[in-house]
C-alpha atoms as a PDB file:
ATOM      1  CA  UNK A   1       8.723   2.982 -16.622  1.00  0.00           C
ATOM      2  CA  UNK A   2       7.166  -0.348 -15.610  1.00  0.00           C
ATOM      3  CA  UNK A   3       5.459  -1.096 -12.287  1.00  0.00           C
ATOM      4  CA  UNK A   4       8.561  -2.611 -10.685  1.00  0.00           C
ATOM      5  CA  UNK A   5      10.656   0.447 -11.533  1.00  0.00           C
ATOM      6  CA  UNK A   6       7.913   2.719 -10.201  1.00  0.00           C
ATOM      7  CA  UNK A   7       7.747   0.782  -6.937  1.00  0.00           C
ATOM      8  CA  UNK A   8      11.541   0.774  -6.531  1.00  0.00           C
ATOM      9  CA  UNK A   9      11.667   4.516  -7.143  1.00  0.00           C
ATOM     10  CA  UNK A  10       8.880   5.113  -4.628  1.00  0.00           C
ATOM     11  CA  UNK A  11      10.554   2.912  -1.998  1.00  0.00           C
ATOM     12  CA  UNK A  12      13.864   4.717  -2.394  1.00  0.00           C
ATOM     13  CA  UNK A  13      12.210   8.100  -1.750  1.00  0.00           C
ATOM     14  CA  UNK A  14      10.702   7.026   1.599  1.00  0.00           C
ATOM     15  CA  UNK A  15      13.007   6.798   4.592  1.00  0.00           C
ATOM     16  CA  UNK A  16      12.468   3.484   6.382  1.00  0.00           C
ATOM     17  CA  UNK A  17      10.507   1.829   3.582  1.00  0.00           C
ATOM     18  CA  UNK A  18      10.670  -1.947   3.890  1.00  0.00           C
ATOM     19  CA  UNK A  19       8.468  -2.897   0.943  1.00  0.00           C
ATOM     20  CA  UNK A  20       5.832  -1.584  -1.409  1.00  0.00           C
ATOM     21  CA  UNK A  21       3.218  -3.732  -3.155  1.00  0.00           C
ATOM     22  CA  UNK A  22       0.466  -3.301  -5.732  1.00  0.00           C
ATOM     23  CA  UNK A  23      -2.454  -5.599  -4.904  1.00  0.00           C
ATOM     24  CA  UNK A  24      -5.881  -6.395  -6.164  1.00  0.00           C
ATOM     25  CA  UNK A  25      -8.732  -6.219  -3.641  1.00  0.00           C
ATOM     26  CA  UNK A  26      -8.870  -9.992  -4.043  1.00  0.00           C
ATOM     27  CA  UNK A  27      -5.480 -10.216  -2.302  1.00  0.00           C
ATOM     28  CA  UNK A  28      -3.475 -11.168  -5.384  1.00  0.00           C
ATOM     29  CA  UNK A  29      -0.137  -9.375  -5.725  1.00  0.00           C
ATOM     30  CA  UNK A  30       0.337  -7.582  -9.042  1.00  0.00           C
ATOM     31  CA  UNK A  31       3.889  -6.402  -8.331  1.00  0.00           C
ATOM     32  CA  UNK A  32       6.097  -5.899  -5.297  1.00  0.00           C
ATOM     33  CA  UNK A  33       9.436  -4.420  -4.376  1.00  0.00           C
ATOM     34  CA  UNK A  34      11.141  -5.425  -1.138  1.00  0.00           C
ATOM     35  CA  UNK A  35      13.836  -3.049   0.020  1.00  0.00           C
ATOM     36  CA  UNK A  36      14.664  -3.651   3.678  1.00  0.00           C
ATOM     37  CA  UNK A  37      12.193  -6.133   5.171  1.00  0.00           C
ATOM     38  CA  UNK A  38      12.797  -8.306   8.220  1.00  0.00           C
ATOM     39  CA  UNK A  39      13.405 -11.775   6.745  1.00  0.00           C
ATOM     40  CA  UNK A  40      11.133 -13.372   9.345  1.00  0.00           C
ATOM     41  CA  UNK A  41       8.155 -11.467   7.907  1.00  0.00           C
ATOM     42  CA  UNK A  42       6.337 -12.498   4.723  1.00  0.00           C
ATOM     43  CA  UNK A  43       5.124  -9.398   2.854  1.00  0.00           C
ATOM     44  CA  UNK A  44       2.858 -11.475   0.591  1.00  0.00           C
ATOM     45  CA  UNK A  45       1.083 -13.051   3.562  1.00  0.00           C
ATOM     46  CA  UNK A  46       0.805  -9.688   5.314  1.00  0.00           C
ATOM     47  CA  UNK A  47      -0.590  -8.093   2.151  1.00  0.00           C
ATOM     48  CA  UNK A  48      -3.174 -10.827   1.687  1.00  0.00           C
ATOM     49  CA  UNK A  49      -4.330 -10.566   5.303  1.00  0.00           C
ATOM     50  CA  UNK A  50      -4.515  -6.765   5.189  1.00  0.00           C
ATOM     51  CA  UNK A  51      -6.683  -7.049   2.074  1.00  0.00           C
ATOM     52  CA  UNK A  52      -9.458  -8.486   4.229  1.00  0.00           C
ATOM     53  CA  UNK A  53      -9.226  -5.495   6.558  1.00  0.00           C
ATOM     54  CA  UNK A  54      -9.162  -3.110   3.606  1.00  0.00           C
ATOM     55  CA  UNK A  55     -12.279  -4.623   2.013  1.00  0.00           C
ATOM     56  CA  UNK A  56     -14.150  -4.437   5.306  1.00  0.00           C
ATOM     57  CA  UNK A  57     -13.072  -0.799   5.774  1.00  0.00           C
ATOM     58  CA  UNK A  58     -14.206   0.107   2.255  1.00  0.00           C
ATOM     59  CA  UNK A  59     -17.624  -1.413   2.962  1.00  0.00           C
ATOM     60  CA  UNK A  60     -17.847   0.319   6.348  1.00  0.00           C
ATOM     61  CA  UNK A  61     -17.072   3.710   4.784  1.00  0.00           C
ATOM     62  CA  UNK A  62     -19.705   3.112   2.139  1.00  0.00           C
ATOM     63  CA  UNK A  63     -22.349   1.741   4.522  1.00  0.00           C
ATOM     64  CA  UNK A  64     -22.003   4.676   6.904  1.00  0.00           C
ATOM     65  CA  UNK A  65     -22.022   7.311   4.130  1.00  0.00           C
ATOM     66  CA  UNK A  66     -18.714   8.852   5.202  1.00  0.00           C
ATOM     67  CA  UNK A  67     -17.350   8.709   1.658  1.00  0.00           C
ATOM     68  CA  UNK A  68     -14.761   6.678  -0.173  1.00  0.00           C
ATOM     69  CA  UNK A  69     -11.775   5.259   1.690  1.00  0.00           C
ATOM     70  CA  UNK A  70      -8.709   7.291   0.726  1.00  0.00           C
ATOM     71  CA  UNK A  71      -6.092   5.807   2.985  1.00  0.00           C
ATOM     72  CA  UNK A  72      -5.636   3.354   5.831  1.00  0.00           C
ATOM     73  CA  UNK A  73      -2.802   3.096   8.334  1.00  0.00           C
ATOM     74  CA  UNK A  74      -2.078   0.052  10.509  1.00  0.00           C
ATOM     75  CA  UNK A  75       0.643   0.444  13.126  1.00  0.00           C
ATOM     76  CA  UNK A  76       2.117  -2.559  14.944  1.00  0.00           C
ATOM     77  CA  UNK A  77       5.133  -3.101  17.185  1.00  0.00           C
ATOM     78  CA  UNK A  78       7.294  -4.212  14.268  1.00  0.00           C
ATOM     79  CA  UNK A  79       5.990  -2.191  11.306  1.00  0.00           C
ATOM     80  CA  UNK A  80       3.609   0.450  10.050  1.00  0.00           C
ATOM     81  CA  UNK A  81       1.490  -0.294   6.971  1.00  0.00           C
ATOM     82  CA  UNK A  82      -0.117   2.281   4.722  1.00  0.00           C
ATOM     83  CA  UNK A  83      -2.789   1.233   2.265  1.00  0.00           C
ATOM     84  CA  UNK A  84      -3.987   3.553  -0.487  1.00  0.00           C
ATOM     85  CA  UNK A  85      -6.464   2.679  -3.232  1.00  0.00           C
ATOM     86  CA  UNK A  86      -5.304   3.181  -6.812  1.00  0.00           C
ATOM     87  CA  UNK A  87      -8.757   2.393  -8.198  1.00  0.00           C
ATOM     88  CA  UNK A  88     -11.719   0.572  -6.704  1.00  0.00           C
ATOM     89  CA  UNK A  89     -10.049  -2.755  -7.576  1.00  0.00           C
ATOM     90  CA  UNK A  90      -6.342  -2.134  -6.880  1.00  0.00           C
ATOM     91  CA  UNK A  91      -4.329  -0.568  -4.096  1.00  0.00           C
ATOM     92  CA  UNK A  92      -0.854   0.164  -2.788  1.00  0.00           C
ATOM     93  CA  UNK A  93       0.550  -1.302   0.404  1.00  0.00           C
ATOM     94  CA  UNK A  94       3.661   0.360   1.783  1.00  0.00           C
ATOM     95  CA  UNK A  95       5.430  -1.225   4.758  1.00  0.00           C
ATOM     96  CA  UNK A  96       7.586   0.974   6.972  1.00  0.00           C
ATOM     97  CA  UNK A  97      10.196  -0.156   9.456  1.00  0.00           C
ATOM     98  CA  UNK A  98      10.134   1.448  12.930  1.00  0.00           C
ATOM     99  CA  UNK A  99      11.123   5.096  12.690  1.00  0.00           C
ATOM    100  CA  UNK A 100      10.130   5.286   9.021  1.00  0.00           C
ATOM    101  CA  UNK A 101       8.829   8.567   7.655  1.00  0.00           C
ATOM    102  CA  UNK A 102       5.023   8.191   7.617  1.00  0.00           C
ATOM    103  CA  UNK A 103       4.426  11.698   6.256  1.00  0.00           C
ATOM    104  CA  UNK A 104       6.755  11.178   3.320  1.00  0.00           C
ATOM    105  CA  UNK A 105       5.220   7.742   2.682  1.00  0.00           C
ATOM    106  CA  UNK A 106       1.725   9.264   2.543  1.00  0.00           C
ATOM    107  CA  UNK A 107       2.916  11.976   0.156  1.00  0.00           C
ATOM    108  CA  UNK A 108       4.745   9.575  -2.149  1.00  0.00           C
ATOM    109  CA  UNK A 109       1.805   7.137  -2.231  1.00  0.00           C
ATOM    110  CA  UNK A 110      -0.540   9.949  -3.260  1.00  0.00           C
ATOM    111  CA  UNK A 111       1.832  10.993  -6.053  1.00  0.00           C
ATOM    112  CA  UNK A 112       2.192   7.377  -7.185  1.00  0.00           C
ATOM    113  CA  UNK A 113      -1.570   6.881  -7.162  1.00  0.00           C
ATOM    114  CA  UNK A 114      -2.095   9.895  -9.417  1.00  0.00           C
ATOM    115  CA  UNK A 115       0.586   8.790 -11.864  1.00  0.00           C
ATOM    116  CA  UNK A 116      -0.402   5.121 -12.058  1.00  0.00           C
ATOM    117  CA  UNK A 117      -4.218   5.115 -11.808  1.00  0.00           C
ATOM    118  CA  UNK A 118      -4.668   5.523 -15.584  1.00  0.00           C
ATOM    119  CA  UNK A 119      -2.816   2.213 -16.075  1.00  0.00           C
ATOM    120  CA  UNK A 120      -5.522   0.474 -14.034  1.00  0.00           C
ATOM    121  CA  UNK A 121      -8.565   2.266 -15.446  1.00  0.00           C
ATOM    122  CA  UNK A 122     -11.194  -0.077 -16.836  1.00  0.00           C
END
C-alpha cells in the first residue's frame, strides 16, 4: 500500500476527517488526501503554517526537559488539527471538521505512525 492509499484509508476510518497530510518539518508536503475540506481553506497553506508551530513546540519540549513531543492539537472555530510526529523529520497532520471524532483520530494516527515509521527511517 502506498502513502496515498494509507492516508485515504486512515481518513475514511475517522468520522469528520477533512484531510490528512504527511509533511516534513521543513513544511514540504510529502503526500496528502483531502476528503471533505471546506473549499475556502487551503490545507497546504495551513500545513505549512502549522509546521512553524510544531517546530517551536518540539524545541520547547526539548529545552524544558519534558521529553519528546508525541502529539499536538490545535482547535479553532472552523477545524481541529492534530499533529503527530512519524520520525524526527516527518509528521502527520489530520484536519477534522466540527464535530469530528478527536479520540478516533488520535487512535488512528498512532496506529498509522507505528505502521509507517519504518518507511521514513534514515
